[in-house]
Amino acid sequence: MATTTIPVGGMSCQKCVASLTGVLSKLPGVEKTEVVLEPGQATVTYDPAQVDEARLREAVEDAGFDAL
């Protein structure tokens, strides 16, 4: 397992946090997701054989947020 923290821009409320948590958690290989509003980041524990950091960042962008 690997863990990465992605700075996220564009989140303004707890609904944003819940939405992004759901999107990231559904990706194959993601074991744990913690999204926090302040300072605006997502920490994801994942299996690098199933998903990579680029795909995680893409999912953040697809959800309408900025992967900084």
PDB file of N, CA and C in Angstrom:
ATOM      1  N   MET A   1       0.840  -1.186   0.000  1.00  0.00           N
ATOM      2  CA  MET A   1       0.000   0.000   0.000  1.00  0.00           C
ATOM      3  C   MET A   1       0.880   1.243   0.000  1.00  0.00           C
ATOM      4  N   ALA A   2       0.346   2.275  -0.623  1.00  0.00           N
ATOM      5  CA  ALA A   2       1.016   3.578  -0.661  1.00  0.00           C
ATOM      6  C   ALA A   2       0.033   4.620  -0.161  1.00  0.00           C
ATOM      7  N   THR A   3       0.564   5.728   0.316  1.00  0.00           N
ATOM      8  CA  THR A   3      -0.269   6.834   0.778  1.00  0.00           C
ATOM      9  C   THR A   3       0.231   8.120   0.144  1.00  0.00           C
ATOM     10  N   THR A   4      -0.709   8.932  -0.322  1.00  0.00           N
ATOM     11  CA  THR A   4      -0.360  10.228  -0.883  1.00  0.00           C
ATOM     12  C   THR A   4      -1.329  11.271  -0.351  1.00  0.00           C
ATOM     13  N   THR A   5      -0.857  12.507  -0.267  1.00  0.00           N
ATOM     14  CA  THR A   5      -1.708  13.625   0.117  1.00  0.00           C
ATOM     15  C   THR A   5      -1.752  14.595  -1.051  1.00  0.00           C
ATOM     16  N   ILE A   6      -2.963  14.868  -1.514  1.00  0.00           N
ATOM     17  CA  ILE A   6      -3.171  15.759  -2.659  1.00  0.00           C
ATOM     18  C   ILE A   6      -3.810  17.052  -2.167  1.00  0.00           C
ATOM     19  N   PRO A   7      -3.142  18.188  -2.359  1.00  0.00           N
ATOM     20  CA  PRO A   7      -3.787  19.462  -2.037  1.00  0.00           C
ATOM     21  C   PRO A   7      -4.972  19.667  -2.979  1.00  0.00           C
ATOM     22  N   VAL A   8      -6.107  20.090  -2.413  1.00  0.00           N
ATOM     23  CA  VAL A   8      -7.326  20.235  -3.202  1.00  0.00           C
ATOM     24  C   VAL A   8      -7.861  21.659  -3.069  1.00  0.00           C
ATOM     25  N   GLY A   9      -8.119  22.285  -4.206  1.00  0.00           N
ATOM     26  CA  GLY A   9      -8.721  23.615  -4.217  1.00  0.00           C
ATOM     27  C   GLY A   9     -10.167  23.532  -4.664  1.00  0.00           C
ATOM     28  N   GLY A  10     -10.959  24.498  -4.240  1.00  0.00           N
ATOM     29  CA  GLY A  10     -12.339  24.580  -4.699  1.00  0.00           C
ATOM     30  C   GLY A  10     -13.366  23.980  -3.765  1.00  0.00           C
ATOM     31  N   MET A  11     -12.933  23.444  -2.632  1.00  0.00           N
ATOM     32  CA  MET A  11     -13.897  22.918  -1.662  1.00  0.00           C
ATOM     33  C   MET A  11     -14.334  24.049  -0.745  1.00  0.00           C
ATOM     34  N   SER A  12     -15.656  24.147  -0.515  1.00  0.00           N
ATOM     35  CA  SER A  12     -16.142  25.242   0.317  1.00  0.00           C
ATOM     36  C   SER A  12     -17.011  24.796   1.489  1.00  0.00           C
ATOM     37  N   CYS A  13     -17.359  23.506   1.532  1.00  0.00           N
ATOM     38  CA  CYS A  13     -18.254  23.055   2.602  1.00  0.00           C
ATOM     39  C   CYS A  13     -18.077  21.552   2.847  1.00  0.00           C
ATOM     40  N   GLN A  14     -18.780  21.056   3.846  1.00  0.00           N
ATOM     41  CA  GLN A  14     -18.694  19.634   4.179  1.00  0.00           C
ATOM     42  C   GLN A  14     -19.324  18.746   3.102  1.00  0.00           C
ATOM     43  N   LYS A  15     -20.261  19.285   2.325  1.00  0.00           N
ATOM     44  CA  LYS A  15     -20.820  18.508   1.211  1.00  0.00           C
ATOM     45  C   LYS A  15     -19.741  18.251   0.162  1.00  0.00           C
ATOM     46  N   CYS A  16     -18.867  19.230  -0.048  1.00  0.00           N
ATOM     47  CA  CYS A  16     -17.741  19.040  -0.967  1.00  0.00           C
ATOM     48  C   CYS A  16     -16.842  17.923  -0.457  1.00  0.00           C
ATOM     49  N   VAL A  17     -16.571  17.930   0.835  1.00  0.00           N
ATOM     50  CA  VAL A  17     -15.729  16.909   1.459  1.00  0.00           C
ATOM     51  C   VAL A  17     -16.361  15.531   1.264  1.00  0.00           C
ATOM     52  N   ALA A  18     -17.664  15.428   1.535  1.00  0.00           N
ATOM     53  CA  ALA A  18     -18.361  14.149   1.401  1.00  0.00           C
ATOM     54  C   ALA A  18     -18.367  13.678  -0.050  1.00  0.00           C
ATOM     55  N   SER A  19     -18.588  14.602  -0.967  1.00  0.00           N
ATOM     56  CA  SER A  19     -18.617  14.260  -2.388  1.00  0.00           C
ATOM     57  C   SER A  19     -17.272  13.714  -2.850  1.00  0.00           C
ATOM     58  N   LEU A  20     -16.207  14.422  -2.524  1.00  0.00           N
ATOM     59  CA  LEU A  20     -14.878  13.998  -2.948  1.00  0.00           C
ATOM     60  C   LEU A  20     -14.458  12.688  -2.266  1.00  0.00           C
ATOM     61  N   THR A  21     -14.825  12.535  -1.008  1.00  0.00           N
ATOM     62  CA  THR A  21     -14.533  11.287  -0.298  1.00  0.00           C
ATOM     63  C   THR A  21     -15.187  10.112  -1.020  1.00  0.00           C
ATOM     64  N   GLY A  22     -16.436  10.282  -1.424  1.00  0.00           N
ATOM     65  CA  GLY A  22     -17.152   9.230  -2.129  1.00  0.00           C
ATOM     66  C   GLY A  22     -16.518   8.889  -3.465  1.00  0.00           C
ATOM     67  N   VAL A  23     -16.135   9.920  -4.214  1.00  0.00           N
ATOM     68  CA  VAL A  23     -15.517   9.703  -5.529  1.00  0.00           C
ATOM     69  C   VAL A  23     -14.213   8.927  -5.395  1.00  0.00           C
ATOM     70  N   LEU A  24     -13.360   9.358  -4.488  1.00  0.00           N
ATOM     71  CA  LEU A  24     -12.060   8.704  -4.328  1.00  0.00           C
ATOM     72  C   LEU A  24     -12.201   7.294  -3.758  1.00  0.00           C
ATOM     73  N   SER A  25     -13.125   7.108  -2.825  1.00  0.00           N
ATOM     74  CA  SER A  25     -13.297   5.808  -2.179  1.00  0.00           C
ATOM     75  C   SER A  25     -13.761   4.732  -3.155  1.00  0.00           C
ATOM     76  N   LYS A  26     -14.450   5.133  -4.218  1.00  0.00           N
ATOM     77  CA  LYS A  26     -14.987   4.180  -5.191  1.00  0.00           C
ATOM     78  C   LYS A  26     -13.959   3.698  -6.211  1.00  0.00           C
ATOM     79  N   LEU A  27     -12.800   4.339  -6.258  1.00  0.00           N
ATOM     80  CA  LEU A  27     -11.787   3.922  -7.223  1.00  0.00           C
ATOM     81  C   LEU A  27     -11.216   2.558  -6.839  1.00  0.00           C
ATOM     82  N   PRO A  28     -10.985   1.696  -7.823  1.00  0.00           N
ATOM     83  CA  PRO A  28     -10.394   0.389  -7.534  1.00  0.00           C
ATOM     84  C   PRO A  28      -9.021   0.561  -6.882  1.00  0.00           C
ATOM     85  N   GLY A  29      -8.778  -0.185  -5.824  1.00  0.00           N
ATOM     86  CA  GLY A  29      -7.481  -0.156  -5.169  1.00  0.00           C
ATOM     87  C   GLY A  29      -7.369   0.836  -4.031  1.00  0.00           C
ATOM     88  N   VAL A  30      -8.385   1.697  -3.852  1.00  0.00           N
ATOM     89  CA  VAL A  30      -8.342   2.673  -2.759  1.00  0.00           C
ATOM     90  C   VAL A  30      -8.820   1.989  -1.481  1.00  0.00           C
ATOM     91  N   GLU A  31      -7.955   2.015  -0.471  1.00  0.00           N
ATOM     92  CA  GLU A  31      -8.281   1.370   0.799  1.00  0.00           C
ATOM     93  C   GLU A  31      -8.872   2.362   1.804  1.00  0.00           C
ATOM     94  N   LYS A  32      -8.336   3.576   1.833  1.00  0.00           N
ATOM     95  CA  LYS A  32      -8.768   4.569   2.823  1.00  0.00           C
ATOM     96  C   LYS A  32      -8.655   5.960   2.221  1.00  0.00           C
ATOM     97  N   THR A  33      -9.647   6.801   2.508  1.00  0.00           N
ATOM     98  CA  THR A  33      -9.642   8.179   2.025  1.00  0.00           C
ATOM     99  C   THR A  33     -10.016   9.106   3.168  1.00  0.00           C
ATOM    100  N   GLU A  34      -9.222  10.163   3.360  1.00  0.00           N
ATOM    101  CA  GLU A  34      -9.550  11.193   4.354  1.00  0.00           C
ATOM    102  C   GLU A  34      -9.434  12.549   3.659  1.00  0.00           C
ATOM    103  N   VAL A  35     -10.571  13.227   3.547  1.00  0.00           N
ATOM    104  CA  VAL A  35     -10.608  14.547   2.924  1.00  0.00           C
ATOM    105  C   VAL A  35     -10.932  15.561   4.008  1.00  0.00           C
ATOM    106  N   VAL A  36     -10.144  16.637   4.074  1.00  0.00           N
ATOM    107  CA  VAL A  36     -10.386  17.688   5.065  1.00  0.00           C
ATOM    108  C   VAL A  36     -10.538  19.025   4.365  1.00  0.00           C
ATOM    109  N   LEU A  37     -11.506  19.798   4.846  1.00  0.00           N
ATOM    110  CA  LEU A  37     -11.815  21.095   4.248  1.00  0.00           C
ATOM    111  C   LEU A  37     -10.674  22.092   4.431  1.00  0.00           C
ATOM    112  N   GLU A  38     -10.164  22.170   5.644  1.00  0.00           N
ATOM    113  CA  GLU A  38      -9.031  23.046   5.925  1.00  0.00           C
ATOM    114  C   GLU A  38      -7.867  22.188   6.369  1.00  0.00           C
ATOM    115  N   PRO A  39      -6.787  22.176   5.675  1.00  0.00           N
ATOM    116  CA  PRO A  39      -6.302  23.119   4.672  1.00  0.00           C
ATOM    117  C   PRO A  39      -6.691  22.781   3.234  1.00  0.00           C
ATOM    118  N   GLY A  40      -7.630  21.884   3.022  1.00  0.00           N
ATOM    119  CA  GLY A  40      -8.023  21.509   1.665  1.00  0.00           C
ATOM    120  C   GLY A  40      -7.102  20.451   1.103  1.00  0.00           C
ATOM    121  N   GLN A  41      -7.308  19.212   1.544  1.00  0.00           N
ATOM    122  CA  GLN A  41      -6.443  18.137   1.071  1.00  0.00           C
ATOM    123  C   GLN A  41      -7.150  16.792   1.179  1.00  0.00           C
ATOM    124  N   ALA A  42      -6.669  15.869   0.369  1.00  0.00           N
ATOM    125  CA  ALA A  42      -7.163  14.499   0.399  1.00  0.00           C
ATOM    126  C   ALA A  42      -5.970  13.574   0.625  1.00  0.00           C
ATOM    127  N   THR A  43      -6.054  12.760   1.665  1.00  0.00           N
ATOM    128  CA  THR A  43      -5.024  11.765   1.939  1.00  0.00           C
ATOM    129  C   THR A  43      -5.618  10.409   1.594  1.00  0.00           C
ATOM    130  N   VAL A  44      -4.956   9.718   0.681  1.00  0.00           N
ATOM    131  CA  VAL A  44      -5.493   8.461   0.157  1.00  0.00           C
ATOM    132  C   VAL A  44      -4.468   7.338   0.327  1.00  0.00           C
ATOM    133  N   THR A  45      -4.927   6.222   0.875  1.00  0.00           N
ATOM    134  CA  THR A  45      -4.118   5.014   0.954  1.00  0.00           C
ATOM    135  C   THR A  45      -4.639   4.083  -0.132  1.00  0.00           C
ATOM    136  N   TYR A  46      -3.731   3.618  -0.983  1.00  0.00           N
ATOM    137  CA  TYR A  46      -4.152   2.866  -2.170  1.00  0.00           C
ATOM    138  C   TYR A  46      -3.127   1.807  -2.562  1.00  0.00           C
ATOM    139  N   ASP A  47      -3.583   0.875  -3.397  1.00  0.00           N
ATOM    140  CA  ASP A  47      -2.734  -0.177  -3.937  1.00  0.00           C
ATOM    141  C   ASP A  47      -2.189   0.305  -5.280  1.00  0.00           C
ATOM    142  N   PRO A  48      -0.881   0.599  -5.370  1.00  0.00           N
ATOM    143  CA  PRO A  48      -0.321   1.131  -6.608  1.00  0.00           C
ATOM    144  C   PRO A  48      -0.394   0.159  -7.787  1.00  0.00           C
ATOM    145  N   ALA A  49      -0.693  -1.104  -7.536  1.00  0.00           N
ATOM    146  CA  ALA A  49      -0.865  -2.059  -8.625  1.00  0.00           C
ATOM    147  C   ALA A  49      -2.226  -1.874  -9.313  1.00  0.00           C
ATOM    148  N   GLN A  50      -3.151  -1.177  -8.628  1.00  0.00           N
ATOM    149  CA  GLN A  50      -4.500  -0.997  -9.171  1.00  0.00           C
ATOM    150  C   GLN A  50      -4.804   0.433  -9.597  1.00  0.00           C
ATOM    151  N   VAL A  51      -4.183   1.396  -8.952  1.00  0.00           N
ATOM    152  CA  VAL A  51      -4.453   2.809  -9.256  1.00  0.00           C
ATOM    153  C   VAL A  51      -3.180   3.596  -8.943  1.00  0.00           C
ATOM    154  N   ASP A  52      -2.935   4.663  -9.708  1.00  0.00           N
ATOM    155  CA  ASP A  52      -1.746   5.477  -9.434  1.00  0.00           C
ATOM    156  C   ASP A  52      -2.163   6.892  -9.038  1.00  0.00           C
ATOM    157  N   GLU A  53      -1.172   7.662  -8.613  1.00  0.00           N
ATOM    158  CA  GLU A  53      -1.466   9.010  -8.136  1.00  0.00           C
ATOM    159  C   GLU A  53      -2.057   9.886  -9.236  1.00  0.00           C
ATOM    160  N   ALA A  54      -1.630   9.690 -10.463  1.00  0.00           N
ATOM    161  CA  ALA A  54      -2.179  10.472 -11.575  1.00  0.00           C
ATOM    162  C   ALA A  54      -3.681  10.233 -11.705  1.00  0.00           C
ATOM    163  N   ARG A  55      -4.119   8.995 -11.532  1.00  0.00           N
ATOM    164  CA  ARG A  55      -5.559   8.673 -11.621  1.00  0.00           C
ATOM    165  C   ARG A  55      -6.309   9.282 -10.453  1.00  0.00           C
ATOM    166  N   LEU A  56      -5.702   9.311  -9.266  1.00  0.00           N
ATOM    167  CA  LEU A  56      -6.336   9.944  -8.109  1.00  0.00           C
ATOM    168  C   LEU A  56      -6.531  11.440  -8.371  1.00  0.00           C
ATOM    169  N   ARG A  57      -5.500  12.087  -8.912  1.00  0.00           N
ATOM    170  CA  ARG A  57      -5.590  13.516  -9.228  1.00  0.00           C
ATOM    171  C   ARG A  57      -6.654  13.768 -10.304  1.00  0.00           C
ATOM    172  N   GLU A  58      -6.712  12.872 -11.278  1.00  0.00           N
ATOM    173  CA  GLU A  58      -7.721  12.985 -12.334  1.00  0.00           C
ATOM    174  C   GLU A  58      -9.132  12.887 -11.745  1.00  0.00           C
ATOM    175  N   ALA A  59      -9.322  12.002 -10.788  1.00  0.00           N
ATOM    176  CA  ALA A  59     -10.632  11.842 -10.135  1.00  0.00           C
ATOM    177  C   ALA A  59     -11.019  13.108  -9.381  1.00  0.00           C
ATOM    178  N   VAL A  60     -10.044  13.743  -8.736  1.00  0.00           N
ATOM    179  CA  VAL A  60     -10.309  15.016  -8.038  1.00  0.00           C
ATOM    180  C   VAL A  60     -10.784  16.060  -9.050  1.00  0.00           C
ATOM    181  N   GLU A  61     -10.093  16.161 -10.166  1.00  0.00           N
ATOM    182  CA  GLU A  61     -10.456  17.131 -11.207  1.00  0.00           C
ATOM    183  C   GLU A  61     -11.835  16.804 -11.805  1.00  0.00           C
ATOM    184  N   ASP A  62     -12.074  15.516 -12.077  1.00  0.00           N
ATOM    185  CA  ASP A  62     -13.366  15.093 -12.638  1.00  0.00           C
ATOM    186  C   ASP A  62     -14.518  15.398 -11.703  1.00  0.00           C
ATOM    187  N   ALA A  63     -14.253  15.427 -10.402  1.00  0.00           N
ATOM    188  CA  ALA A  63     -15.286  15.723  -9.411  1.00  0.00           C
ATOM    189  C   ALA A  63     -15.559  17.224  -9.301  1.00  0.00           C
ATOM    190  N   GLY A  64     -14.809  18.030 -10.047  1.00  0.00           N
ATOM    191  CA  GLY A  64     -15.059  19.468 -10.056  1.00  0.00           C
ATOM    192  C   GLY A  64     -14.153  20.284  -9.149  1.00  0.00           C
ATOM    193  N   PHE A  65     -13.121  19.658  -8.635  1.00  0.00           N
ATOM    194  CA  PHE A  65     -12.188  20.359  -7.751  1.00  0.00           C
ATOM    195  C   PHE A  65     -10.835  20.474  -8.426  1.00  0.00           C
ATOM    196  N   ASP A  66      -9.937  21.231  -7.823  1.00  0.00           N
ATOM    197  CA  ASP A  66      -8.603  21.422  -8.384  1.00  0.00           C
ATOM    198  C   ASP A  66      -7.597  20.599  -7.589  1.00  0.00           C
ATOM    199  N   ALA A  67      -6.884  19.724  -8.297  1.00  0.00           N
ATOM    200  CA  ALA A  67      -5.774  18.985  -7.680  1.00  0.00           C
ATOM    201  C   ALA A  67      -4.543  19.866  -7.819  1.00  0.00           C
ATOM    202  N   LEU A  68      -4.112  20.465  -6.716  1.00  0.00           N
ATOM    203  CA  LEU A  68      -3.025  21.439  -6.749  1.00  0.00           C
ATOM    204  C   LEU A  68      -1.668  20.784  -6.607  1.00  0.00           C
TER     205      LEU A  68
END
